Protein backbone atom coordinates (compact mmCIF):
# COMPACT_ATOMS: atom_id res chain seq x y z
CA UNK A 1 57.88 -53.46 -5.06
CA UNK A 2 59.69 -57.13 -3.21
CA UNK A 3 62.70 -60.14 -4.11
CA UNK A 4 65.88 -58.55 -2.86
CA UNK A 5 68.75 -60.58 -1.70
CA UNK A 6 71.49 -58.86 1.64
CA UNK A 7 74.25 -57.10 1.06
CA UNK A 8 77.56 -57.28 3.34
CA UNK A 9 76.67 -53.01 3.35
CA UNK A 10 76.11 -50.81 6.55
CA UNK A 11 72.52 -52.37 7.88
CA UNK A 12 70.74 -49.56 7.53
CA UNK A 13 71.88 -48.83 4.28
CA UNK A 14 71.15 -52.02 2.85
CA UNK A 15 67.16 -51.52 4.89
CA UNK A 16 67.24 -48.26 3.08
CA UNK A 17 67.89 -49.22 -0.64
CA UNK A 18 66.03 -52.72 -0.66
CA UNK A 19 62.86 -52.84 -2.59
CA UNK A 20 64.72 -49.46 -4.39
CA UNK A 21 68.08 -48.81 -6.19
CA UNK A 22 71.24 -50.66 -4.73
CA UNK A 23 74.52 -50.92 -6.55
CA UNK A 24 76.09 -54.14 -5.34
CA UNK A 25 73.26 -56.47 -5.31
CA UNK A 26 70.61 -57.56 -8.12
CA UNK A 27 67.65 -56.19 -7.29
CA UNK A 28 63.86 -56.52 -8.55
CA UNK A 29 61.47 -53.90 -8.29
CA UNK A 30 58.08 -53.47 -9.90
CA UNK A 31 56.37 -51.65 -11.71
CA UNK A 32 54.46 -48.94 -8.97
CA UNK A 33 50.76 -50.08 -11.06
CA UNK A 34 51.79 -53.61 -10.94
CA UNK A 35 52.98 -54.45 -7.40
CA UNK A 36 49.67 -54.24 -7.01
CA UNK A 37 49.36 -57.39 -8.93
CA UNK A 38 52.82 -59.18 -9.23
CA UNK A 39 53.29 -62.04 -6.88
CA UNK A 40 56.39 -61.33 -4.92
CA UNK A 41 57.23 -64.39 -3.89
CA UNK A 42 60.23 -66.55 -3.93
CA UNK A 43 58.92 -68.24 -7.47
CA UNK A 44 61.09 -66.22 -10.03
CA UNK A 45 61.18 -69.10 -12.58
CA UNK A 46 59.82 -69.35 -15.67
CA UNK A 47 56.09 -70.46 -14.96
CA UNK A 48 55.06 -73.74 -15.94
CA UNK A 49 51.19 -74.05 -17.57
CA UNK A 50 49.50 -75.11 -14.79
CA UNK A 51 45.75 -76.29 -14.71
CA UNK A 52 43.43 -74.33 -17.34
CA UNK A 53 39.53 -73.70 -17.10
CA UNK A 54 38.50 -77.19 -17.96
CA UNK A 55 41.02 -79.24 -15.92
CA UNK A 56 39.95 -81.77 -13.21
CA UNK A 57 41.75 -80.12 -9.46
CA UNK A 58 43.77 -83.58 -8.90
CA UNK A 59 43.26 -85.02 -5.41
CA UNK A 60 46.71 -83.57 -4.26
CA UNK A 61 45.21 -80.15 -3.84
CA UNK A 62 43.03 -81.29 -0.64
CA UNK A 63 40.01 -79.51 -1.28
CA UNK A 64 38.07 -82.30 -0.52
CA UNK A 65 36.58 -80.29 1.90
CA UNK A 66 34.06 -78.22 -0.28
CA UNK A 67 32.89 -80.62 -2.47
CA UNK A 68 29.78 -79.46 -3.83
CA UNK A 69 30.06 -75.92 -3.68
CA UNK A 70 31.75 -73.16 -5.79
CA UNK A 71 35.38 -72.47 -4.54
CA UNK A 72 37.11 -69.31 -5.29
CA UNK A 73 40.89 -69.51 -4.13
CA UNK A 74 42.56 -66.39 -3.46
CA UNK A 75 45.70 -65.63 -4.43
CA UNK A 76 47.59 -63.15 -1.57
CA UNK A 77 50.07 -61.59 -0.28
CA UNK A 78 50.55 -59.28 3.28
CA UNK A 79 52.11 -56.59 0.67
CA UNK A 80 49.73 -56.47 -1.67
CA UNK A 81 47.25 -53.09 -1.11
CA UNK A 82 44.51 -54.38 -3.15
CA UNK A 83 44.13 -57.94 -1.82
CA UNK A 84 44.66 -56.79 1.84
CA UNK A 85 41.69 -54.00 0.50
CA UNK A 86 39.69 -57.20 -1.02
CA UNK A 87 39.95 -59.45 2.19
CA UNK A 88 36.71 -57.65 4.12
CA UNK A 89 34.48 -58.04 0.80
CA UNK A 90 35.49 -61.62 0.31
CA UNK A 91 34.67 -61.72 4.03
CA UNK A 92 31.07 -60.33 3.26
CA UNK A 93 30.47 -62.51 0.20
CA UNK A 94 31.23 -65.86 2.35
CA UNK A 95 28.81 -64.80 4.85
CA UNK A 96 26.31 -64.03 2.15
CA UNK A 97 26.89 -67.75 0.34
CA UNK A 98 27.70 -69.77 3.05
CA UNK A 99 27.53 -73.51 1.90
CA UNK A 100 27.17 -72.58 -1.47
CA UNK A 101 30.30 -71.12 -1.87
CA UNK A 102 33.47 -70.20 -0.20
CA UNK A 103 36.58 -67.89 -0.95
CA UNK A 104 39.99 -69.16 0.42
CA UNK A 105 42.77 -66.84 1.01
CA UNK A 106 45.83 -69.04 -0.35
CA UNK A 107 49.30 -67.23 0.55
CA UNK A 108 53.13 -68.85 -0.07
CA UNK A 109 54.07 -66.19 3.69
CA UNK A 110 53.91 -68.04 6.92
CA UNK A 111 51.19 -67.94 8.88
CA UNK A 112 53.22 -65.99 11.26
CA UNK A 113 53.38 -63.62 9.03
CA UNK A 114 49.93 -63.41 6.89
CA UNK A 115 47.62 -63.49 9.57
CA UNK A 116 48.74 -60.91 12.00
CA UNK A 117 47.84 -58.99 8.64
CA UNK A 118 44.22 -60.70 8.02
CA UNK A 119 43.18 -59.85 11.74
CA UNK A 120 44.12 -56.10 10.88
CA UNK A 121 42.11 -55.46 7.51
CA UNK A 122 39.49 -57.67 8.58
CA UNK A 123 35.81 -55.76 9.39
CA UNK A 124 34.59 -59.05 11.36
CA UNK A 125 35.90 -62.19 12.43
CA UNK A 126 34.80 -65.05 10.92
CA UNK A 127 34.65 -68.48 13.31
CA UNK A 128 34.67 -70.82 10.30
CA UNK A 129 36.98 -69.21 7.92
CA UNK A 130 39.78 -71.17 6.17
CA UNK A 131 42.98 -70.10 5.21
CA UNK A 132 45.97 -71.61 3.50
CA UNK A 133 49.45 -70.17 4.82
CA UNK A 134 53.34 -71.42 3.98
CA UNK A 135 51.66 -72.72 0.38
CA UNK A 136 54.23 -74.33 -1.90
CA UNK A 137 51.38 -77.00 -3.99
CA UNK A 138 48.37 -74.62 -5.24
CA UNK A 139 50.61 -71.84 -7.04
CA UNK A 140 52.77 -74.90 -8.86
CA UNK A 141 49.16 -76.03 -9.83
CA UNK A 142 48.01 -72.45 -10.50
CA UNK A 143 51.35 -70.66 -11.28
CA UNK A 144 50.93 -66.67 -11.42
CA UNK A 145 53.09 -63.48 -11.71
CA UNK A 146 50.35 -61.04 -10.42
CA UNK A 147 48.04 -60.28 -7.48
CA UNK A 148 44.93 -60.88 -6.96
CA UNK A 149 44.78 -64.07 -8.82
CA UNK A 150 41.57 -65.81 -8.26
CA UNK A 151 40.81 -69.68 -9.38
CA UNK A 152 37.08 -71.16 -9.78
CA UNK A 153 36.04 -74.12 -8.93
CA UNK A 154 32.73 -75.46 -9.24
CA UNK A 155 31.41 -78.31 -7.20
CA UNK A 156 32.46 -81.72 -8.56
CA UNK A 157 36.63 -80.66 -8.69
CA UNK A 158 36.54 -78.88 -12.62
CA UNK A 159 38.02 -75.28 -12.90
CA UNK A 160 35.94 -73.33 -14.56
CA UNK A 161 37.66 -69.58 -14.69
CA UNK A 162 40.88 -67.51 -13.56
CA UNK A 163 40.30 -63.73 -12.93
CA UNK A 164 41.33 -60.23 -11.36
CA UNK A 165 39.55 -59.10 -8.73
CA UNK A 166 37.02 -57.14 -10.35
CA UNK A 167 35.30 -60.11 -11.29
CA UNK A 168 34.58 -61.06 -7.32
CA UNK A 169 31.32 -60.25 -6.66
CA UNK A 170 27.77 -60.67 -5.47
CA UNK A 171 26.57 -61.00 -9.33
CA UNK A 172 29.16 -63.25 -10.67
CA UNK A 173 29.04 -65.42 -7.90
CA UNK A 174 24.99 -65.62 -7.75
CA UNK A 175 25.15 -66.79 -11.87
CA UNK A 176 27.96 -69.11 -10.94
CA UNK A 177 26.06 -71.22 -8.06
CA UNK A 178 22.56 -70.87 -9.72
CA UNK A 179 23.63 -70.88 -13.30
CA UNK A 180 26.33 -72.60 -13.43
CA UNK A 181 27.33 -69.31 -15.31
CA UNK A 182 31.30 -68.57 -14.62
CA UNK A 183 33.04 -65.49 -15.78
CA UNK A 184 34.26 -65.42 -18.93
CA UNK A 185 36.97 -62.41 -18.88
CA UNK A 186 39.99 -64.98 -18.24
CA UNK A 187 42.90 -63.75 -16.49
CA UNK A 188 45.60 -64.20 -18.97
CA UNK A 189 49.78 -64.43 -17.34
CA UNK A 190 51.52 -65.37 -20.09
CA UNK A 191 55.05 -65.66 -19.23
CA UNK A 192 58.38 -65.72 -21.13
CA UNK A 193 61.36 -67.62 -19.60
CA UNK A 194 63.40 -65.29 -18.07
CA UNK A 195 66.14 -65.37 -15.16
CA UNK A 196 67.21 -62.26 -14.01
CA UNK A 197 70.45 -63.75 -12.97
CA UNK A 198 71.47 -64.16 -16.64
CA UNK A 199 71.95 -61.08 -19.27
CA UNK A 200 68.51 -60.16 -21.04
CA UNK A 201 68.13 -61.81 -24.45
CA UNK A 202 71.54 -63.85 -24.02
CA UNK A 203 70.92 -67.55 -24.98
CA UNK A 204 67.56 -66.77 -25.31
CA UNK A 205 66.57 -65.27 -22.05
CA UNK A 206 63.61 -63.24 -22.34
CA UNK A 207 64.23 -63.40 -26.04
CA UNK A 208 67.33 -63.81 -27.73
CA UNK A 209 70.76 -62.11 -28.54
CA UNK A 210 74.08 -62.72 -28.12
CA UNK A 211 76.52 -62.28 -25.09
CA UNK A 212 78.55 -59.36 -24.81
CA UNK A 213 81.34 -57.58 -22.74
CA UNK A 214 79.19 -54.05 -23.10
CA UNK A 215 76.10 -53.75 -24.75
CA UNK A 216 73.37 -51.31 -24.86
CA UNK A 217 70.24 -52.50 -26.21
CA UNK A 218 66.51 -51.05 -26.58
CA UNK A 219 62.81 -52.18 -27.00
CA UNK A 220 58.92 -51.11 -26.97
CA UNK A 221 57.06 -53.40 -24.67
CA UNK A 222 57.58 -57.28 -25.28
CA UNK A 223 54.19 -58.96 -23.81
CA UNK A 224 54.77 -61.57 -21.20
CA UNK A 225 58.24 -60.12 -20.52
CA UNK A 226 58.08 -59.60 -16.46
CA UNK A 227 58.42 -56.12 -15.20
CA UNK A 228 60.91 -54.21 -13.23
CA UNK A 229 64.28 -52.95 -12.84
CA UNK A 230 67.46 -54.64 -12.10
CA UNK A 231 70.69 -53.60 -11.00
CA UNK A 232 73.26 -56.80 -11.54
CA UNK A 233 76.61 -57.11 -8.47
CA UNK A 234 79.32 -55.47 -9.82
CA UNK A 235 81.94 -58.39 -10.69
CA UNK A 236 85.99 -57.79 -11.16
CA UNK A 237 85.43 -60.15 -14.29
CA UNK A 238 81.57 -60.09 -15.45
CA UNK A 239 81.54 -55.95 -14.64
CA UNK A 240 77.81 -54.74 -14.04
CA UNK A 241 74.61 -54.92 -15.53
CA UNK A 242 71.60 -52.20 -15.34
CA UNK A 243 68.29 -53.67 -16.55
CA UNK A 244 64.81 -52.49 -17.02
CA UNK A 245 62.05 -54.59 -18.78
CA UNK A 246 58.35 -53.62 -19.42
CA UNK A 247 58.44 -50.08 -18.04
CA UNK A 248 57.01 -46.78 -18.75
CA UNK A 249 59.87 -43.46 -19.45
CA UNK A 250 59.83 -42.61 -15.96
CA UNK A 251 61.69 -45.88 -14.95
CA UNK A 252 63.98 -45.47 -17.15
CA UNK A 253 64.89 -41.89 -15.89
CA UNK A 254 65.17 -43.45 -12.59
CA UNK A 255 67.43 -46.40 -13.46
CA UNK A 256 69.84 -43.49 -15.24
CA UNK A 257 69.60 -41.15 -12.50
CA UNK A 258 69.52 -43.84 -9.48
CA UNK A 259 72.85 -43.07 -8.56
CA UNK A 260 73.50 -43.90 -4.58
CA UNK A 261 69.83 -45.19 -4.38
CA UNK A 262 67.78 -41.83 -5.62
CA UNK A 263 64.79 -42.81 -6.77
CA UNK A 264 61.98 -40.49 -7.66
CA UNK A 265 58.10 -40.85 -7.29
CA UNK A 266 55.84 -39.07 -8.97
CA UNK A 267 56.02 -36.86 -6.10
CA UNK A 268 59.41 -35.78 -7.09
CA UNK A 269 58.47 -35.36 -10.91
CA UNK A 270 58.03 -32.18 -12.62
CA UNK A 271 56.73 -33.04 -15.41
CA UNK A 272 56.47 -29.83 -17.88
CA UNK A 273 56.26 -32.01 -21.11
CA UNK A 274 53.04 -32.14 -23.71
CA UNK A 275 54.23 -36.18 -23.12
CA UNK A 276 53.19 -36.26 -19.92
CA UNK A 277 50.65 -38.91 -20.42
CA UNK A 278 52.42 -41.26 -22.25
CA UNK A 279 55.14 -40.93 -19.12
CA UNK A 280 53.14 -41.71 -15.96
CA UNK A 281 49.41 -43.90 -16.02
CA UNK A 282 46.97 -43.61 -13.00
CA UNK A 283 46.16 -47.66 -14.53
CA UNK A 284 46.06 -50.43 -13.25
CA UNK A 285 46.02 -54.52 -14.08
CA UNK A 286 45.62 -55.54 -17.73
CA UNK A 287 44.76 -52.16 -18.72
CA UNK A 288 47.98 -50.76 -17.13
CA UNK A 289 49.55 -53.35 -19.27
CA UNK A 290 47.67 -52.24 -22.64
CA UNK A 291 48.68 -48.53 -21.92
CA UNK A 292 52.48 -50.32 -21.79
CA UNK A 293 51.85 -52.32 -24.95
CA UNK A 294 50.37 -48.88 -27.09
CA UNK A 295 53.55 -47.43 -26.73
CA UNK A 296 54.31 -46.63 -23.25
CA UNK A 297 56.41 -49.38 -22.05
CA UNK A 298 59.99 -50.02 -22.73
CA UNK A 299 63.03 -52.85 -21.96
CA UNK A 300 66.61 -51.63 -21.99
CA UNK A 301 69.40 -52.98 -20.65
CA UNK A 302 73.40 -51.80 -20.56
CA UNK A 303 75.91 -54.06 -20.02
CA UNK A 304 79.20 -52.78 -19.22
CA UNK A 305 82.74 -53.86 -18.00
CA UNK A 306 84.37 -54.01 -15.40
CA UNK A 307 86.53 -51.15 -16.63
CA UNK A 308 83.89 -49.00 -17.25
CA UNK A 309 81.49 -49.60 -14.38
CA UNK A 310 82.33 -46.41 -12.52
CA UNK A 311 81.26 -44.31 -15.29
CA UNK A 312 77.87 -45.96 -14.85
CA UNK A 313 75.72 -43.29 -14.90
CA UNK A 314 76.96 -40.71 -17.19
CA UNK A 315 76.73 -43.67 -19.82
CA UNK A 316 72.82 -44.37 -18.22
CA UNK A 317 72.32 -40.65 -19.02
CA UNK A 318 74.07 -40.46 -22.29
CA UNK A 319 71.43 -43.02 -23.38
CA UNK A 320 68.57 -42.01 -22.68
CA UNK A 321 69.14 -38.89 -23.53
CA UNK A 322 70.07 -40.34 -27.76
CA UNK A 323 67.08 -42.66 -26.87
CA UNK A 324 64.84 -39.01 -26.45
CA UNK A 325 66.50 -36.19 -28.00
CA UNK A 326 63.14 -34.67 -27.40
CA UNK A 327 63.18 -34.26 -23.94
CA UNK A 328 65.73 -32.55 -21.52
CA UNK A 329 66.10 -33.99 -18.40
CA UNK A 330 67.98 -33.02 -15.10
CA UNK A 331 67.83 -33.18 -11.39
CA UNK A 332 67.49 -30.08 -9.68
CA UNK A 333 67.04 -28.48 -6.34
CA UNK A 334 63.61 -26.54 -6.10
CA UNK A 335 60.84 -25.41 -3.84
CA UNK A 336 58.12 -27.34 -3.62
CA UNK A 337 55.49 -28.28 -0.70
CA UNK A 338 56.55 -31.21 0.99
CA UNK A 339 55.33 -33.41 3.63
CA UNK A 340 57.97 -32.99 6.41
CA UNK A 341 58.96 -34.94 9.64
CA UNK A 342 58.97 -32.01 12.03
CA UNK A 343 59.78 -31.59 16.02
CA UNK A 344 56.95 -30.59 18.34
CA UNK A 345 58.87 -30.75 21.23
CA UNK A 346 63.08 -30.27 21.65
CA UNK A 347 63.47 -33.25 23.90
CA UNK A 348 66.28 -35.13 22.40
CA UNK A 349 65.46 -37.68 25.46
CA UNK A 350 62.51 -39.20 23.07
CA UNK A 351 64.57 -40.30 20.45
CA UNK A 352 67.81 -40.98 21.86
CA UNK A 353 68.74 -44.63 21.02
CA UNK A 354 69.32 -47.14 23.82
CA UNK A 355 69.76 -50.24 21.73
CA UNK A 356 72.41 -52.14 20.97
CA UNK A 357 71.97 -53.39 17.67
CA UNK A 358 70.42 -51.94 14.39
CA UNK A 359 66.62 -52.90 13.15
CA UNK A 360 63.66 -51.46 11.17
CA UNK A 361 60.58 -53.08 10.63
CA UNK A 362 58.45 -51.91 8.32
CA UNK A 363 54.83 -53.39 7.98
CA UNK A 364 51.45 -52.29 6.61
CA UNK A 365 50.42 -51.53 10.07
CA UNK A 366 53.49 -51.23 12.45
CA UNK A 367 56.53 -49.77 12.42
CA UNK A 368 60.16 -51.12 14.67
CA UNK A 369 63.10 -49.19 14.66
CA UNK A 370 66.12 -49.79 17.02
CA UNK A 371 69.44 -47.78 16.21
CA UNK A 372 68.23 -46.35 13.08
CA UNK A 373 68.04 -42.61 11.49
CA UNK A 374 64.77 -40.47 11.28
CA UNK A 375 65.93 -40.18 7.73
CA UNK A 376 65.54 -44.17 6.66
CA UNK A 377 62.36 -43.44 8.39
CA UNK A 378 61.00 -41.06 5.90
CA UNK A 379 62.83 -42.33 2.72
CA UNK A 380 60.67 -45.84 3.84
CA UNK A 381 57.30 -44.13 3.96
CA UNK A 382 57.58 -42.14 0.26
CA UNK A 383 59.12 -45.29 -1.53
CA UNK A 384 56.69 -47.57 0.15
CA UNK A 385 53.72 -47.02 1.61
CA UNK A 386 52.54 -43.15 1.17
CA UNK A 387 54.32 -43.61 -2.37
CA UNK A 388 51.00 -42.03 -3.37
CA UNK A 389 51.83 -38.96 -1.48
CA UNK A 390 51.31 -35.42 -3.75
CA UNK A 391 54.00 -34.78 -1.74
CA UNK A 392 57.76 -35.05 -1.07
CA UNK A 393 58.78 -36.77 2.20
CA UNK A 394 61.23 -34.74 4.00
CA UNK A 395 63.22 -34.76 6.83
CA UNK A 396 63.44 -31.28 8.77
CA UNK A 397 64.17 -32.75 12.23
CA UNK A 398 67.42 -31.85 12.35
CA UNK A 399 68.26 -34.41 14.76
CA UNK A 400 71.05 -37.07 13.00
CA UNK A 401 71.30 -39.30 15.80
CA UNK A 402 69.73 -43.03 15.89
CA UNK A 403 66.77 -43.62 17.44
CA UNK A 404 64.14 -45.79 18.79
CA UNK A 405 60.78 -46.01 17.65
CA UNK A 406 57.23 -48.08 17.90
CA UNK A 407 54.64 -47.18 15.84
CA UNK A 408 51.12 -49.06 15.64
CA UNK A 409 49.64 -47.64 12.35
CA UNK A 410 48.21 -47.09 9.46
CA UNK A 411 51.66 -46.85 6.93
CA UNK A 412 49.79 -45.13 4.03
CA UNK A 413 47.34 -42.69 6.67
CA UNK A 414 49.03 -39.64 7.42
CA UNK A 415 47.13 -38.90 10.09
CA UNK A 416 47.11 -42.34 11.76
CA UNK A 417 51.04 -42.33 11.33
CA UNK A 418 50.52 -38.49 13.27
CA UNK A 419 49.08 -39.94 15.87
CA UNK A 420 51.81 -42.28 16.76
CA UNK A 421 54.41 -39.94 16.47
CA UNK A 422 53.24 -37.75 18.52
CA UNK A 423 54.97 -39.49 21.53
CA UNK A 424 57.82 -38.68 20.25
CA UNK A 425 57.26 -35.52 19.90
CA UNK A 426 57.43 -35.81 16.08
CA UNK A 427 54.67 -34.88 13.28
CA UNK A 428 54.73 -34.63 9.40
CA UNK A 429 53.27 -31.72 8.16
CA UNK A 430 53.36 -29.70 5.00
CA UNK A 431 55.85 -27.11 4.40
CA UNK A 432 57.56 -25.29 1.54
CA UNK A 433 61.41 -26.55 1.52
CA UNK A 434 64.16 -27.37 -1.26
CA UNK A 435 64.26 -30.32 -2.03
CA UNK A 436 65.71 -32.77 -5.08
CA UNK A 437 63.38 -33.20 -8.08
CA UNK A 438 63.93 -34.37 -11.43
CA UNK A 439 62.87 -32.66 -14.02
CA UNK A 440 61.26 -33.38 -17.50
CA UNK A 441 60.33 -30.95 -19.99
CA UNK A 442 60.71 -30.25 -24.00
CA UNK A 443 63.53 -29.48 -25.58
CA UNK A 444 62.49 -26.22 -27.36
CA UNK A 445 62.41 -26.56 -31.28
CA UNK A 446 63.44 -29.86 -31.82
CA UNK A 447 62.52 -32.00 -35.08
CA UNK A 448 62.51 -35.22 -34.97
């Protein structure tokens, strides 16, 4: 999920809640299915129209090197899982269409950040591969909100198509190269002007409504409105604002029950409702957006004055209960099968921190902890790289001190993470344990 400002709190708490819920900073968290596609760059402003199919590429783009061949701009980012998955495929396509078509990775991220990830995910190095780092120009020419994002340009510099990753294949490129036939299925990045720093619908922001000291607004899916969850900083004058836009039902629940940074991923849900297929979907991309638009997506905002901010979560929960009276929602400690971090040896010397300052860095292929807790590691893995785990992640080490760890592993692969953890006498293994779960059930005998 992406886009969090830092806060003057305990540094470990800041790290733990980044991309999750935080009471005192504005947070933007994208839907799990859309985080594969959502642009996490700093361009959270209203998108301009940009170049569209039929427009000519301006000289300022400085892509003359590829004149005479098909050029595909591959906008990607290191945090985007499908982007990383596509890199070996686009490398193979580049090799297959050498001199006829080129797929160029373009990212707003700096070379020092993006290049190591490229090296990790590439199955074969391409000596003549061209990458564009720290991009600002091309994303202005081709503004987008969701990743991956592909722009097809013909040999004369004319934009011919803007697509999702499903169109990046041998057959589509062969048609473009051989017959000048480009993909017809275009990616639509519709955008409504919306500034997360302002109240939803105020002064036309994301729609239209009046600015109020207290308000609770609710709607279904709004096409073009950015999907996400935000909690504004508390302000003694303006109070606090809690917002979700174009999210499924379980994200509403995470807003309402997210006090103290709690986050209930799918592995922490016990869904007993007959409507469960309307709450969570395995779809992605345009199919996921269509599912939201068909009645499974919601927008909600609660604006509270400062005097009521301490009652925010009970108010949120009461609102959800009123809006969805057919369900019984509860947070319960339940015995379930978990993926537990355990100690394989009781040697504190393997774990005790010798560092002076806190540090926590977690990426797709590495993790560095200095003076951090094991609970922080478990929470971040569960929320970021192991969010698709069947089981909740918990800490059963019994070690409450601060640790120094250096892990080189694919952070979404339990076996690979365990290989790295073994040096510290640690392991992730399946265990039955009691942990906090979000329980959704239908109310018996409910009559609408």
